[in-house]
Protein backbone atom coordinates (compact mmCIF):
# COMPACT_ATOMS: atom_id res chain seq x y z
CA MET A 1 8.47 16.23 -59.05
CA GLU A 2 8.01 14.44 -62.50
CA ILE A 3 9.37 15.18 -65.80
CA TYR A 4 7.39 14.35 -68.97
CA HIS A 5 8.97 14.18 -72.24
CA GLU A 6 5.83 14.12 -74.37
CA PRO A 7 4.15 16.72 -73.86
CA LYS A 8 7.21 18.33 -72.61
CA PHE A 9 6.37 19.74 -68.91
CA ILE A 10 7.67 19.28 -65.28
CA SER A 11 5.26 18.67 -62.65
CA VAL A 12 5.74 19.89 -59.16
CA TRP A 13 3.60 19.14 -56.23
CA MET A 14 4.05 21.56 -53.14
CA THR A 15 2.60 21.39 -49.65
CA ASN A 16 1.46 24.49 -47.92
CA GLU A 17 4.77 24.48 -45.90
CA GLU A 18 7.13 24.17 -49.31
CA GLU A 19 4.71 26.90 -50.81
CA LYS A 20 5.75 29.43 -48.06
CA ARG A 21 9.33 28.04 -48.15
CA TYR A 22 10.16 28.42 -51.98
CA ASP A 23 9.57 31.20 -54.24
CA ARG A 24 8.08 29.71 -57.60
CA LYS A 25 9.26 32.04 -59.95
CA GLN A 26 13.14 31.20 -58.82
CA LEU A 27 12.10 27.52 -58.68
CA THR A 28 10.65 27.62 -62.21
CA ALA A 29 14.05 29.40 -63.53
CA GLN A 30 16.12 27.05 -61.86
CA LEU A 31 14.32 24.05 -63.16
CA LEU A 32 14.10 25.43 -66.73
CA LYS A 33 17.91 26.07 -66.50
CA ASN A 34 18.44 22.20 -65.83
CA ALA A 35 15.98 21.12 -68.08
CA ASP A 36 16.72 18.95 -71.41
CA ASP A 37 14.37 21.72 -73.28
CA PRO A 38 14.14 25.06 -71.66
CA LYS A 39 10.80 25.69 -73.60
CA CYS A 40 9.08 22.88 -71.53
CA LYS A 41 6.27 24.06 -69.29
CA VAL A 42 6.54 23.94 -65.39
CA ILE A 43 3.04 23.15 -63.84
CA PHE A 44 2.66 23.59 -59.92
CA TYR A 45 0.07 21.53 -57.94
CA LEU A 46 -0.65 23.30 -54.46
CA SER A 47 -2.19 22.13 -51.51
CA GLY A 48 -5.27 23.63 -50.72
CA LYS A 49 -6.37 25.22 -47.37
CA GLY A 50 -9.54 23.06 -46.81
CA ASN A 51 -10.22 19.49 -45.49
CA LEU A 52 -9.17 16.94 -48.25
CA PHE A 53 -11.61 14.37 -47.69
CA GLU A 54 -14.67 16.84 -47.31
CA ASN A 55 -13.52 18.60 -50.48
CA THR A 56 -13.05 15.35 -52.49
CA ASN A 57 -16.37 13.96 -51.44
CA GLY A 58 -18.28 17.41 -52.34
CA LEU A 59 -16.46 17.05 -55.77
CA LEU A 60 -17.49 13.34 -56.45
CA LEU A 61 -21.06 14.16 -55.13
CA ALA A 62 -21.27 17.19 -57.48
CA ASN A 63 -20.16 15.13 -60.57
CA LEU A 64 -22.75 12.22 -59.94
C-alpha cells in the first residue's frame, strides 16, 4: 500500500488470494477512516488471471 499526498489517493495492490480474503468496500472504509484526508481516493490494483509474461509481451507488441 502506498499513500500519495498530491493528488490525494491511496494505492493498494492485491494478489488474487488477498482479493478473495478481503472485502474491498470494508477495506476502503477502514483506510479512509484512518486517512489524513477522508476525501482522498482509494485505488485498487488487482492481479489478473492470465500469464504475466504472455500478457506483458502481447501488450508491448501491440504498442510497437
